[in-house]
Amino acid sequence: MPEAPRSDVRLLAPAQVAEVLNVTVDEVVDLIAEGRLRGMRVGSPAQWRVEETSVAAYVDDQAEEARRMALWRQSNAASFPELWGTGVIRNAD
């Protein structure tokens, strides 16, 4: 059984999350379904709500992924002597 939210947990509507992430509400619901955002259905009729801390963690994860991809692209463009910082570059292109 899912945990009941604590009183200090702030819940956001999918429209609020969509505005923060600059995506559609459907994409927010998809992120919940994929488990990338923590959400729950509350009320009657049941409506989705997303934990604010989950949105912050998602944004942090996306920033870290972008940082790693930038480093990966940068390393693919560099030659080995450039990566090592020493040595003579032979047969430079």
PDB file of N, CA and C in Angstrom:
ATOM      1  N   MET A   1       0.843  -1.172   0.000  1.00  0.00           N
ATOM      2  CA  MET A   1       0.000   0.000   0.000  1.00  0.00           C
ATOM      3  C   MET A   1       0.893   1.242   0.000  1.00  0.00           C
ATOM      4  N   PRO A   2       0.607   2.226  -0.845  1.00  0.00           N
ATOM      5  CA  PRO A   2       1.447   3.417  -0.900  1.00  0.00           C
ATOM      6  C   PRO A   2       1.374   4.202   0.401  1.00  0.00           C
ATOM      7  N   GLU A   3       2.489   4.893   0.688  1.00  0.00           N
ATOM      8  CA  GLU A   3       2.552   5.707   1.888  1.00  0.00           C
ATOM      9  C   GLU A   3       1.639   6.915   1.769  1.00  0.00           C
ATOM     10  N   ALA A   4       1.035   7.293   2.874  1.00  0.00           N
ATOM     11  CA  ALA A   4       0.247   8.524   2.898  1.00  0.00           C
ATOM     12  C   ALA A   4       1.217   9.697   2.942  1.00  0.00           C
ATOM     13  N   PRO A   5       0.935  10.776   2.220  1.00  0.00           N
ATOM     14  CA  PRO A   5       1.860  11.903   2.225  1.00  0.00           C
ATOM     15  C   PRO A   5       1.951  12.529   3.612  1.00  0.00           C
ATOM     16  N   ARG A   6       3.159  12.938   3.971  1.00  0.00           N
ATOM     17  CA  ARG A   6       3.353  13.634   5.237  1.00  0.00           C
ATOM     18  C   ARG A   6       2.822  15.046   5.101  1.00  0.00           C
ATOM     19  N   SER A   7       2.566  15.678   6.218  1.00  0.00           N
ATOM     20  CA  SER A   7       1.983  17.014   6.185  1.00  0.00           C
ATOM     21  C   SER A   7       2.942  18.055   5.617  1.00  0.00           C
ATOM     22  N   ASP A   8       4.265  17.778   5.643  1.00  0.00           N
ATOM     23  CA  ASP A   8       5.230  18.749   5.125  1.00  0.00           C
ATOM     24  C   ASP A   8       5.523  18.559   3.632  1.00  0.00           C
ATOM     25  N   VAL A   9       4.830  17.633   2.981  1.00  0.00           N
ATOM     26  CA  VAL A   9       5.010  17.390   1.553  1.00  0.00           C
ATOM     27  C   VAL A   9       4.101  18.340   0.775  1.00  0.00           C
ATOM     28  N   ARG A  10       4.694  19.077  -0.159  1.00  0.00           N
ATOM     29  CA  ARG A  10       3.896  19.978  -0.989  1.00  0.00           C
ATOM     30  C   ARG A  10       3.567  19.262  -2.295  1.00  0.00           C
ATOM     31  N   LEU A  11       2.291  19.218  -2.619  1.00  0.00           N
ATOM     32  CA  LEU A  11       1.833  18.543  -3.830  1.00  0.00           C
ATOM     33  C   LEU A  11       1.468  19.581  -4.888  1.00  0.00           C
ATOM     34  N   LEU A  12       1.875  19.310  -6.118  1.00  0.00           N
ATOM     35  CA  LEU A  12       1.617  20.201  -7.245  1.00  0.00           C
ATOM     36  C   LEU A  12       0.698  19.521  -8.248  1.00  0.00           C
ATOM     37  N   ALA A  13      -0.131  20.304  -8.899  1.00  0.00           N
ATOM     38  CA  ALA A  13      -0.973  19.799  -9.977  1.00  0.00           C
ATOM     39  C   ALA A  13      -0.098  19.563 -11.214  1.00  0.00           C
ATOM     40  N   PRO A  14      -0.474  18.612 -12.060  1.00  0.00           N
ATOM     41  CA  PRO A  14       0.302  18.369 -13.276  1.00  0.00           C
ATOM     42  C   PRO A  14       0.498  19.626 -14.136  1.00  0.00           C
ATOM     43  N   ALA A  15      -0.486  20.517 -14.155  1.00  0.00           N
ATOM     44  CA  ALA A  15      -0.350  21.749 -14.936  1.00  0.00           C
ATOM     45  C   ALA A  15       0.775  22.624 -14.377  1.00  0.00           C
ATOM     46  N   GLN A  16       0.922  22.662 -13.053  1.00  0.00           N
ATOM     47  CA  GLN A  16       2.002  23.430 -12.439  1.00  0.00           C
ATOM     48  C   GLN A  16       3.356  22.827 -12.784  1.00  0.00           C
ATOM     49  N   VAL A  17       3.427  21.505 -12.712  1.00  0.00           N
ATOM     50  CA  VAL A  17       4.674  20.812 -13.044  1.00  0.00           C
ATOM     51  C   VAL A  17       5.007  21.018 -14.522  1.00  0.00           C
ATOM     52  N   ALA A  18       4.014  20.935 -15.371  1.00  0.00           N
ATOM     53  CA  ALA A  18       4.221  21.124 -16.809  1.00  0.00           C
ATOM     54  C   ALA A  18       4.782  22.513 -17.085  1.00  0.00           C
ATOM     55  N   GLU A  19       4.299  23.509 -16.361  1.00  0.00           N
ATOM     56  CA  GLU A  19       4.796  24.876 -16.554  1.00  0.00           C
ATOM     57  C   GLU A  19       6.252  24.988 -16.121  1.00  0.00           C
ATOM     58  N   VAL A  20       6.604  24.371 -15.001  1.00  0.00           N
ATOM     59  CA  VAL A  20       7.982  24.418 -14.505  1.00  0.00           C
ATOM     60  C   VAL A  20       8.930  23.715 -15.471  1.00  0.00           C
ATOM     61  N   LEU A  21       8.505  22.559 -15.990  1.00  0.00           N
ATOM     62  CA  LEU A  21       9.366  21.750 -16.864  1.00  0.00           C
ATOM     63  C   LEU A  21       9.259  22.145 -18.335  1.00  0.00           C
ATOM     64  N   ASN A  22       8.315  23.021 -18.647  1.00  0.00           N
ATOM     65  CA  ASN A  22       8.083  23.452 -20.029  1.00  0.00           C
ATOM     66  C   ASN A  22       7.742  22.268 -20.935  1.00  0.00           C
ATOM     67  N   VAL A  23       6.808  21.439 -20.441  1.00  0.00           N
ATOM     68  CA  VAL A  23       6.299  20.288 -21.192  1.00  0.00           C
ATOM     69  C   VAL A  23       4.773  20.316 -21.106  1.00  0.00           C
ATOM     70  N   THR A  24       4.122  19.354 -21.744  1.00  0.00           N
ATOM     71  CA  THR A  24       2.669  19.271 -21.677  1.00  0.00           C
ATOM     72  C   THR A  24       2.239  18.487 -20.437  1.00  0.00           C
ATOM     73  N   VAL A  25       0.984  18.627 -20.081  1.00  0.00           N
ATOM     74  CA  VAL A  25       0.436  17.884 -18.948  1.00  0.00           C
ATOM     75  C   VAL A  25       0.497  16.383 -19.233  1.00  0.00           C
ATOM     76  N   ASP A  26       0.240  15.989 -20.473  1.00  0.00           N
ATOM     77  CA  ASP A  26       0.331  14.569 -20.837  1.00  0.00           C
ATOM     78  C   ASP A  26       1.741  14.027 -20.610  1.00  0.00           C
ATOM     79  N   GLU A  27       2.752  14.835 -20.903  1.00  0.00           N
ATOM     80  CA  GLU A  27       4.137  14.399 -20.671  1.00  0.00           C
ATOM     81  C   GLU A  27       4.421  14.257 -19.175  1.00  0.00           C
ATOM     82  N   VAL A  28       3.827  15.108 -18.361  1.00  0.00           N
ATOM     83  CA  VAL A  28       3.982  14.986 -16.913  1.00  0.00           C
ATOM     84  C   VAL A  28       3.367  13.672 -16.438  1.00  0.00           C
ATOM     85  N   VAL A  29       2.183  13.358 -16.913  1.00  0.00           N
ATOM     86  CA  VAL A  29       1.531  12.101 -16.534  1.00  0.00           C
ATOM     87  C   VAL A  29       2.377  10.908 -17.011  1.00  0.00           C
ATOM     88  N   ASP A  30       2.966  11.013 -18.196  1.00  0.00           N
ATOM     89  CA  ASP A  30       3.854   9.946 -18.680  1.00  0.00           C
ATOM     90  C   ASP A  30       5.073   9.789 -17.771  1.00  0.00           C
ATOM     91  N   LEU A  31       5.647  10.899 -17.303  1.00  0.00           N
ATOM     92  CA  LEU A  31       6.791  10.839 -16.388  1.00  0.00           C
ATOM     93  C   LEU A  31       6.402  10.169 -15.071  1.00  0.00           C
ATOM     94  N   ILE A  32       5.187  10.400 -14.617  1.00  0.00           N
ATOM     95  CA  ILE A  32       4.697   9.727 -13.411  1.00  0.00           C
ATOM     96  C   ILE A  32       4.572   8.229 -13.674  1.00  0.00           C
ATOM     97  N   ALA A  33       3.978   7.882 -14.812  1.00  0.00           N
ATOM     98  CA  ALA A  33       3.792   6.462 -15.161  1.00  0.00           C
ATOM     99  C   ALA A  33       5.127   5.741 -15.300  1.00  0.00           C
ATOM    100  N   GLU A  34       6.150   6.433 -15.800  1.00  0.00           N
ATOM    101  CA  GLU A  34       7.482   5.847 -15.956  1.00  0.00           C
ATOM    102  C   GLU A  34       8.241   5.773 -14.636  1.00  0.00           C
ATOM    103  N   GLY A  35       7.720   6.433 -13.603  1.00  0.00           N
ATOM    104  CA  GLY A  35       8.390   6.427 -12.306  1.00  0.00           C
ATOM    105  C   GLY A  35       9.470   7.487 -12.174  1.00  0.00           C
ATOM    106  N   ARG A  36       9.543   8.400 -13.119  1.00  0.00           N
ATOM    107  CA  ARG A  36      10.565   9.449 -13.068  1.00  0.00           C
ATOM    108  C   ARG A  36      10.129  10.611 -12.187  1.00  0.00           C
ATOM    109  N   LEU A  37       8.827  10.725 -11.937  1.00  0.00           N
ATOM    110  CA  LEU A  37       8.266  11.678 -10.985  1.00  0.00           C
ATOM    111  C   LEU A  37       7.390  10.897 -10.015  1.00  0.00           C
ATOM    112  N   ARG A  38       7.401  11.299  -8.733  1.00  0.00           N
ATOM    113  CA  ARG A  38       6.540  10.656  -7.747  1.00  0.00           C
ATOM    114  C   ARG A  38       5.195  11.390  -7.731  1.00  0.00           C
ATOM    115  N   GLY A  39       4.157  10.660  -8.050  1.00  0.00           N
ATOM    116  CA  GLY A  39       2.831  11.249  -8.070  1.00  0.00           C
ATOM    117  C   GLY A  39       1.811  10.314  -7.466  1.00  0.00           C
ATOM    118  N   MET A  40       0.684  10.884  -7.140  1.00  0.00           N
ATOM    119  CA  MET A  40      -0.405  10.089  -6.575  1.00  0.00           C
ATOM    120  C   MET A  40      -1.724  10.703  -7.007  1.00  0.00           C
ATOM    121  N   ARG A  41      -2.747   9.891  -6.959  1.00  0.00           N
ATOM    122  CA  ARG A  41      -4.091  10.374  -7.283  1.00  0.00           C
ATOM    123  C   ARG A  41      -4.800  10.644  -5.968  1.00  0.00           C
ATOM    124  N   VAL A  42      -5.337  11.851  -5.827  1.00  0.00           N
ATOM    125  CA  VAL A  42      -6.020  12.228  -4.598  1.00  0.00           C
ATOM    126  C   VAL A  42      -7.370  12.853  -4.933  1.00  0.00           C
ATOM    127  N   GLY A  43      -8.273  12.826  -3.955  1.00  0.00           N
ATOM    128  CA  GLY A  43      -9.561  13.491  -4.104  1.00  0.00           C
ATOM    129  C   GLY A  43     -10.589  12.635  -4.798  1.00  0.00           C
ATOM    130  N   SER A  44     -11.750  13.235  -4.932  1.00  0.00           N
ATOM    131  CA  SER A  44     -12.841  12.586  -5.633  1.00  0.00           C
ATOM    132  C   SER A  44     -13.516  13.634  -6.515  1.00  0.00           C
ATOM    133  N   PRO A  45     -13.430  13.541  -7.810  1.00  0.00           N
ATOM    134  CA  PRO A  45     -12.763  12.484  -8.569  1.00  0.00           C
ATOM    135  C   PRO A  45     -11.243  12.573  -8.428  1.00  0.00           C
ATOM    136  N   ALA A  46     -10.610  11.420  -8.525  1.00  0.00           N
ATOM    137  CA  ALA A  46      -9.160  11.341  -8.326  1.00  0.00           C
ATOM    138  C   ALA A  46      -8.423  12.170  -9.373  1.00  0.00           C
ATOM    139  N   GLN A  47      -7.507  13.003  -8.887  1.00  0.00           N
ATOM    140  CA  GLN A  47      -6.683  13.830  -9.763  1.00  0.00           C
ATOM    141  C   GLN A  47      -5.227  13.634  -9.371  1.00  0.00           C
ATOM    142  N   TRP A  48      -4.345  13.712 -10.366  1.00  0.00           N
ATOM    143  CA  TRP A  48      -2.925  13.542 -10.115  1.00  0.00           C
ATOM    144  C   TRP A  48      -2.368  14.727  -9.339  1.00  0.00           C
ATOM    145  N   ARG A  49      -1.445  14.419  -8.416  1.00  0.00           N
ATOM    146  CA  ARG A  49      -0.654  15.411  -7.722  1.00  0.00           C
ATOM    147  C   ARG A  49       0.772  14.886  -7.681  1.00  0.00           C
ATOM    148  N   VAL A  50       1.736  15.796  -7.798  1.00  0.00           N
ATOM    149  CA  VAL A  50       3.150  15.431  -7.868  1.00  0.00           C
ATOM    150  C   VAL A  50       3.874  16.085  -6.701  1.00  0.00           C
ATOM    151  N   GLU A  51       4.750  15.322  -6.046  1.00  0.00           N
ATOM    152  CA  GLU A  51       5.525  15.871  -4.937  1.00  0.00           C
ATOM    153  C   GLU A  51       6.510  16.907  -5.477  1.00  0.00           C
ATOM    154  N   GLU A  52       6.559  18.054  -4.813  1.00  0.00           N
ATOM    155  CA  GLU A  52       7.464  19.121  -5.239  1.00  0.00           C
ATOM    156  C   GLU A  52       8.925  18.673  -5.183  1.00  0.00           C
ATOM    157  N   THR A  53       9.288  17.889  -4.177  1.00  0.00           N
ATOM    158  CA  THR A  53      10.670  17.407  -4.071  1.00  0.00           C
ATOM    159  C   THR A  53      11.026  16.490  -5.233  1.00  0.00           C
ATOM    160  N   SER A  54      10.025  15.767  -5.744  1.00  0.00           N
ATOM    161  CA  SER A  54      10.243  14.893  -6.890  1.00  0.00           C
ATOM    162  C   SER A  54      10.576  15.710  -8.136  1.00  0.00           C
ATOM    163  N   VAL A  55       9.901  16.850  -8.294  1.00  0.00           N
ATOM    164  CA  VAL A  55      10.168  17.717  -9.446  1.00  0.00           C
ATOM    165  C   VAL A  55      11.584  18.284  -9.349  1.00  0.00           C
ATOM    166  N   ALA A  56      11.983  18.720  -8.146  1.00  0.00           N
ATOM    167  CA  ALA A  56      13.329  19.257  -7.952  1.00  0.00           C
ATOM    168  C   ALA A  56      14.387  18.185  -8.252  1.00  0.00           C
ATOM    169  N   ALA A  57      14.143  16.959  -7.788  1.00  0.00           N
ATOM    170  CA  ALA A  57      15.087  15.864  -8.049  1.00  0.00           C
ATOM    171  C   ALA A  57      15.159  15.557  -9.543  1.00  0.00           C
ATOM    172  N   TYR A  58      14.026  15.598 -10.228  1.00  0.00           N
ATOM    173  CA  TYR A  58      13.997  15.351 -11.671  1.00  0.00           C
ATOM    174  C   TYR A  58      14.803  16.411 -12.418  1.00  0.00           C
ATOM    175  N   VAL A  59      14.634  17.680 -12.038  1.00  0.00           N
ATOM    176  CA  VAL A  59      15.382  18.769 -12.680  1.00  0.00           C
ATOM    177  C   VAL A  59      16.877  18.582 -12.431  1.00  0.00           C
ATOM    178  N   ASP A  60      17.254  18.225 -11.211  1.00  0.00           N
ATOM    179  CA  ASP A  60      18.665  17.974 -10.902  1.00  0.00           C
ATOM    180  C   ASP A  60      19.218  16.818 -11.726  1.00  0.00           C
ATOM    181  N   ASP A  61      18.442  15.737 -11.854  1.00  0.00           N
ATOM    182  CA  ASP A  61      18.871  14.585 -12.655  1.00  0.00           C
ATOM    183  C   ASP A  61      19.060  14.968 -14.122  1.00  0.00           C
ATOM    184  N   GLN A  62      18.150  15.779 -14.648  1.00  0.00           N
ATOM    185  CA  GLN A  62      18.254  16.203 -16.047  1.00  0.00           C
ATOM    186  C   GLN A  62      19.487  17.087 -16.256  1.00  0.00           C
ATOM    187  N   ALA A  63      19.783  17.960 -15.292  1.00  0.00           N
ATOM    188  CA  ALA A  63      20.966  18.819 -15.389  1.00  0.00           C
ATOM    189  C   ALA A  63      22.239  17.981 -15.345  1.00  0.00           C
ATOM    190  N   GLU A  64      22.271  16.974 -14.468  1.00  0.00           N
ATOM    191  CA  GLU A  64      23.437  16.102 -14.377  1.00  0.00           C
ATOM    192  C   GLU A  64      23.611  15.291 -15.663  1.00  0.00           C
ATOM    193  N   GLU A  65      22.520  14.798 -16.218  1.00  0.00           N
ATOM    194  CA  GLU A  65      22.597  14.047 -17.478  1.00  0.00           C
ATOM    195  C   GLU A  65      23.115  14.933 -18.607  1.00  0.00           C
ATOM    196  N   ALA A  66      22.656  16.170 -18.664  1.00  0.00           N
ATOM    197  CA  ALA A  66      23.125  17.107 -19.692  1.00  0.00           C
ATOM    198  C   ALA A  66      24.612  17.405 -19.515  1.00  0.00           C
ATOM    199  N   ARG A  67      25.048  17.555 -18.255  1.00  0.00           N
ATOM    200  CA  ARG A  67      26.467  17.799 -17.980  1.00  0.00           C
ATOM    201  C   ARG A  67      27.322  16.621 -18.441  1.00  0.00           C
ATOM    202  N   ARG A  68      26.865  15.418 -18.137  1.00  0.00           N
ATOM    203  CA  ARG A  68      27.619  14.223 -18.534  1.00  0.00           C
ATOM    204  C   ARG A  68      27.666  14.059 -20.058  1.00  0.00           C
ATOM    205  N   MET A  69      26.557  14.343 -20.713  1.00  0.00           N
ATOM    206  CA  MET A  69      26.532  14.243 -22.184  1.00  0.00           C
ATOM    207  C   MET A  69      27.464  15.276 -22.806  1.00  0.00           C
ATOM    208  N   ALA A  70      27.521  16.480 -22.249  1.00  0.00           N
ATOM    209  CA  ALA A  70      28.428  17.503 -22.758  1.00  0.00           C
ATOM    210  C   ALA A  70      29.879  17.064 -22.595  1.00  0.00           C
ATOM    211  N   LEU A  71      30.203  16.481 -21.448  1.00  0.00           N
ATOM    212  CA  LEU A  71      31.567  15.978 -21.232  1.00  0.00           C
ATOM    213  C   LEU A  71      31.877  14.833 -22.183  1.00  0.00           C
ATOM    214  N   TRP A  72      30.895  13.970 -22.435  1.00  0.00           N
ATOM    215  CA  TRP A  72      31.092  12.848 -23.358  1.00  0.00           C
ATOM    216  C   TRP A  72      31.379  13.355 -24.765  1.00  0.00           C
ATOM    217  N   ARG A  73      30.573  14.319 -25.229  1.00  0.00           N
ATOM    218  CA  ARG A  73      30.799  14.875 -26.568  1.00  0.00           C
ATOM    219  C   ARG A  73      32.154  15.565 -26.645  1.00  0.00           C
ATOM    220  N   GLN A  74      32.522  16.255 -25.576  1.00  0.00           N
ATOM    221  CA  GLN A  74      33.815  16.946 -25.535  1.00  0.00           C
ATOM    222  C   GLN A  74      34.953  15.926 -25.585  1.00  0.00           C
ATOM    223  N   SER A  75      34.826  14.813 -24.871  1.00  0.00           N
ATOM    224  CA  SER A  75      35.895  13.811 -24.858  1.00  0.00           C
ATOM    225  C   SER A  75      35.988  13.096 -26.196  1.00  0.00           C
ATOM    226  N   ASN A  76      34.871  12.925 -26.884  1.00  0.00           N
ATOM    227  CA  ASN A  76      34.901  12.288 -28.199  1.00  0.00           C
ATOM    228  C   ASN A  76      35.607  13.166 -29.230  1.00  0.00           C
ATOM    229  N   ALA A  77      35.557  14.472 -29.029  1.00  0.00           N
ATOM    230  CA  ALA A  77      36.181  15.396 -29.974  1.00  0.00           C
ATOM    231  C   ALA A  77      37.658  15.607 -29.687  1.00  0.00           C
ATOM    232  N   ALA A  78      38.130  15.203 -28.512  1.00  0.00           N
ATOM    233  CA  ALA A  78      39.522  15.447 -28.119  1.00  0.00           C
ATOM    234  C   ALA A  78      40.401  14.270 -28.518  1.00  0.00           C
ATOM    235  N   SER A  79      41.669  14.540 -28.782  1.00  0.00           N
ATOM    236  CA  SER A  79      42.624  13.459 -29.052  1.00  0.00           C
ATOM    237  C   SER A  79      43.174  12.956 -27.721  1.00  0.00           C
ATOM    238  N   PHE A  80      43.783  11.794 -27.735  1.00  0.00           N
ATOM    239  CA  PHE A  80      44.302  11.238 -26.493  1.00  0.00           C
ATOM    240  C   PHE A  80      45.366  12.110 -25.841  1.00  0.00           C
ATOM    241  N   PRO A  81      46.354  12.644 -26.573  1.00  0.00           N
ATOM    242  CA  PRO A  81      47.313  13.533 -25.897  1.00  0.00           C
ATOM    243  C   PRO A  81      46.635  14.746 -25.260  1.00  0.00           C
ATOM    244  N   GLU A  82      45.592  15.250 -25.893  1.00  0.00           N
ATOM    245  CA  GLU A  82      44.868  16.369 -25.289  1.00  0.00           C
ATOM    246  C   GLU A  82      44.194  15.941 -23.998  1.00  0.00           C
ATOM    247  N   LEU A  83      43.676  14.715 -23.958  1.00  0.00           N
ATOM    248  CA  LEU A  83      43.038  14.222 -22.744  1.00  0.00           C
ATOM    249  C   LEU A  83      44.061  13.991 -21.639  1.00  0.00           C
ATOM    250  N   TRP A  84      45.220  13.457 -22.012  1.00  0.00           N
ATOM    251  CA  TRP A  84      46.243  13.180 -21.016  1.00  0.00           C
ATOM    252  C   TRP A  84      46.945  14.459 -20.567  1.00  0.00           C
ATOM    253  N   GLY A  85      46.958  15.471 -21.430  1.00  0.00           N
ATOM    254  CA  GLY A  85      47.602  16.723 -21.082  1.00  0.00           C
ATOM    255  C   GLY A  85      49.099  16.719 -21.321  1.00  0.00           C
ATOM    256  N   THR A  86      49.657  15.632 -21.839  1.00  0.00           N
ATOM    257  CA  THR A  86      51.100  15.558 -22.095  1.00  0.00           C
ATOM    258  C   THR A  86      51.330  14.817 -23.398  1.00  0.00           C
ATOM    259  N   GLY A  87      52.556  14.805 -23.804  1.00  0.00           N
ATOM    260  CA  GLY A  87      52.924  14.015 -24.963  1.00  0.00           C
ATOM    261  C   GLY A  87      52.901  14.804 -26.253  1.00  0.00           C
ATOM    262  N   VAL A  88      53.530  14.224 -27.241  1.00  0.00           N
ATOM    263  CA  VAL A  88      53.612  14.828 -28.559  1.00  0.00           C
ATOM    264  C   VAL A  88      52.495  14.260 -29.427  1.00  0.00           C
ATOM    265  N   ILE A  89      51.860  15.130 -30.177  1.00  0.00           N
ATOM    266  CA  ILE A  89      50.812  14.682 -31.075  1.00  0.00           C
ATOM    267  C   ILE A  89      51.477  14.272 -32.379  1.00  0.00           C
ATOM    268  N   ARG A  90      51.387  12.988 -32.689  1.00  0.00           N
ATOM    269  CA  ARG A  90      51.969  12.472 -33.929  1.00  0.00           C
ATOM    270  C   ARG A  90      50.876  12.297 -34.961  1.00  0.00           C
ATOM    271  N   ASN A  91      51.234  12.474 -36.208  1.00  0.00           N
ATOM    272  CA  ASN A  91      50.300  12.307 -37.312  1.00  0.00           C
ATOM    273  C   ASN A  91      49.005  13.076 -37.061  1.00  0.00           C
ATOM    274  N   ALA A  92      49.166  14.342 -36.763  1.00  0.00           N
ATOM    275  CA  ALA A  92      47.971  15.172 -36.509  1.00  0.00           C
ATOM    276  C   ALA A  92      47.157  15.280 -37.783  1.00  0.00           C
ATOM    277  N   ASP A  93      45.882  15.250 -37.667  1.00  0.00           N
ATOM    278  CA  ASP A  93      44.995  15.317 -38.837  1.00  0.00           C
ATOM    279  C   ASP A  93      45.001  16.686 -39.439  1.00  0.00           C
TER     280      ASP A  93
END
